[in-house]
C-alpha atoms as a PDB file:
ATOM      1  CA  MET A   1       6.383  -1.807  10.313  1.00  0.00           C
ATOM      2  CA  TYR A   2       8.439   1.118   9.062  1.00  0.00           C
ATOM      3  CA  SER A   3      11.343   0.471  11.434  1.00  0.00           C
ATOM      4  CA  TYR A   4      11.051  -3.267  10.746  1.00  0.00           C
ATOM      5  CA  GLY A   5      11.673  -2.588   7.061  1.00  0.00           C
ATOM      6  CA  LEU A   6      14.516  -0.200   7.788  1.00  0.00           C
ATOM      7  CA  SER A   7      16.175  -2.828   9.996  1.00  0.00           C
ATOM      8  CA  PHE A   8      16.453  -5.083   6.929  1.00  0.00           C
ATOM      9  CA  GLY A   9      18.299  -2.321   5.083  1.00  0.00           C
ATOM     10  CA  PHE A  10      15.558  -1.175   2.738  1.00  0.00           C
ATOM     11  CA  ARG A  11      15.226   2.475   1.769  1.00  0.00           C
ATOM     12  CA  ALA A  12      12.705   4.657   3.603  1.00  0.00           C
ATOM     13  CA  ASP A  13      10.696   5.334   0.425  1.00  0.00           C
ATOM     14  CA  ASP A  14      10.422   1.628  -0.315  1.00  0.00           C
ATOM     15  CA  CYS A  15       9.200   0.956   3.226  1.00  0.00           C
ATOM     16  CA  MET A  16       6.520   3.610   2.944  1.00  0.00           C
ATOM     17  CA  ASP A  17       5.409   2.255  -0.440  1.00  0.00           C
ATOM     18  CA  ALA A  18       5.232  -1.285   0.923  1.00  0.00           C
ATOM     19  CA  ILE A  19       3.186  -0.195   3.946  1.00  0.00           C
ATOM     20  CA  HIS A  20       0.777   1.611   1.651  1.00  0.00           C
ATOM     21  CA  ASP A  21       0.472  -1.410  -0.630  1.00  0.00           C
ATOM     22  CA  VAL A  22      -0.170  -3.804   2.270  1.00  0.00           C
ATOM     23  CA  PHE A  23      -2.951  -1.698   3.726  1.00  0.00           C
ATOM     24  CA  LEU A  24      -4.538  -1.202   0.311  1.00  0.00           C
ATOM     25  CA  LYS A  25      -4.512  -4.959  -0.152  1.00  0.00           C
ATOM     26  CA  LEU A  26      -6.073  -5.408   3.295  1.00  0.00           C
ATOM     27  CA  PHE A  27      -8.821  -2.947   2.492  1.00  0.00           C
ATOM     28  CA  ALA A  28      -9.526  -4.502  -0.887  1.00  0.00           C
ATOM     29  CA  GLN A  29      -9.623  -8.069   0.451  1.00  0.00           C
ATOM     30  CA  LYS A  30     -11.126  -7.497   3.894  1.00  0.00           C
ATOM     31  CA  ASN A  31     -13.945  -9.993   3.322  1.00  0.00           C
ATOM     32  CA  GLU A  32     -11.511 -12.746   2.328  1.00  0.00           C
ATOM     33  CA  LEU A  33      -9.286 -12.527   5.430  1.00  0.00           C
ATOM     34  CA  HIS A  34     -11.502 -14.391   7.880  1.00  0.00           C
ATOM     35  CA  HIS A  35      -9.029 -17.312   7.911  1.00  0.00           C
ATOM     36  CA  VAL A  36      -6.218 -15.189   9.426  1.00  0.00           C
ATOM     37  CA  SER A  37      -5.727 -16.196  13.057  1.00  0.00           C
ATOM     38  CA  ASN A  38      -2.683 -14.052  13.890  1.00  0.00           C
ATOM     39  CA  PHE A  39      -3.238 -10.665  12.272  1.00  0.00           C
ATOM     40  CA  ARG A  40       0.086  -9.157  13.390  1.00  0.00           C
ATOM     41  CA  PHE A  41       2.062 -12.000  11.838  1.00  0.00           C
ATOM     42  CA  TYR A  42       0.012 -11.638   8.652  1.00  0.00           C
ATOM     43  CA  LEU A  43       0.788  -7.905   8.461  1.00  0.00           C
ATOM     44  CA  PHE A  44       4.517  -8.305   8.967  1.00  0.00           C
ATOM     45  CA  SER A  45       4.878 -11.231   6.591  1.00  0.00           C
ATOM     46  CA  SER A  46       2.847  -9.395   3.924  1.00  0.00           C
ATOM     47  CA  PHE A  47       5.014  -6.325   4.461  1.00  0.00           C
ATOM     48  CA  ARG A  48       8.251  -8.316   4.194  1.00  0.00           C
ATOM     49  CA  ASN A  49       7.055 -10.065   1.028  1.00  0.00           C
ATOM     50  CA  ARG A  50       6.038  -6.752  -0.531  1.00  0.00           C
ATOM     51  CA  LEU A  51       9.466  -5.278   0.251  1.00  0.00           C
ATOM     52  CA  LEU A  52      11.127  -8.247  -1.417  1.00  0.00           C
ATOM     53  CA  ASP A  53       8.906  -7.804  -4.475  1.00  0.00           C
ATOM     54  CA  ILE A  54       9.861  -4.124  -4.679  1.00  0.00           C
ATOM     55  CA  LYS A  55      13.561  -4.985  -4.384  1.00  0.00           C
ATOM     56  CA  LYS A  56      13.268  -7.666  -7.057  1.00  0.00           C
ATOM     57  CA  ARG A  57      11.541  -5.208  -9.394  1.00  0.00           C
ATOM     58  CA  GLN A  58      14.278  -2.621  -8.803  1.00  0.00           C
ATOM     59  CA  ASN A  59      17.022  -5.149  -9.546  1.00  0.00           C
ATOM     60  CA  LEU A  60      15.371  -6.027 -12.841  1.00  0.00           C
ATOM     61  CA  THR A  61      15.073  -2.405 -13.933  1.00  0.00           C
ATOM     62  CA  GLU A  62      18.470  -1.052 -12.840  1.00  0.00           C
ATOM     63  CA  PRO A  63      20.485   0.022 -15.855  1.00  0.00           C
ATOM     64  CA  PHE A  64      23.766  -1.757 -16.455  1.00  0.00           C
ATOM     65  CA  ASP A  65      26.711   0.569 -16.917  1.00  0.00           C
ATOM     66  CA  ALA A  66      29.608  -1.338 -18.453  1.00  0.00           C
ATOM     67  CA  LYS A  67      31.988   1.600 -17.961  1.00  0.00           C
ATOM     68  CA  SER A  68      31.794   1.326 -14.176  1.00  0.00           C
ATOM     69  CA  TYR A  69      33.071  -2.275 -14.209  1.00  0.00           C
ATOM     70  CA  THR A  70      36.596  -3.196 -15.151  1.00  0.00           C
ATOM     71  CA  PHE A  71      37.048  -6.437 -17.008  1.00  0.00           C
END
């Protein structure tokens, strides 16, 4: 999963955080996952979605520096 996240261009720290979050979610909801037929697909799609959530959160919190842009 780590190299899968890196292949999309995400930072190594973000990939590790996303992996941790996915497995915590799996552990917390292990009794509710009986409907999952393809576990590998579920892991990778959950991982990808978590990476996108992390990226979205980072884009919302990045400071805007008007001096670095020329108008």
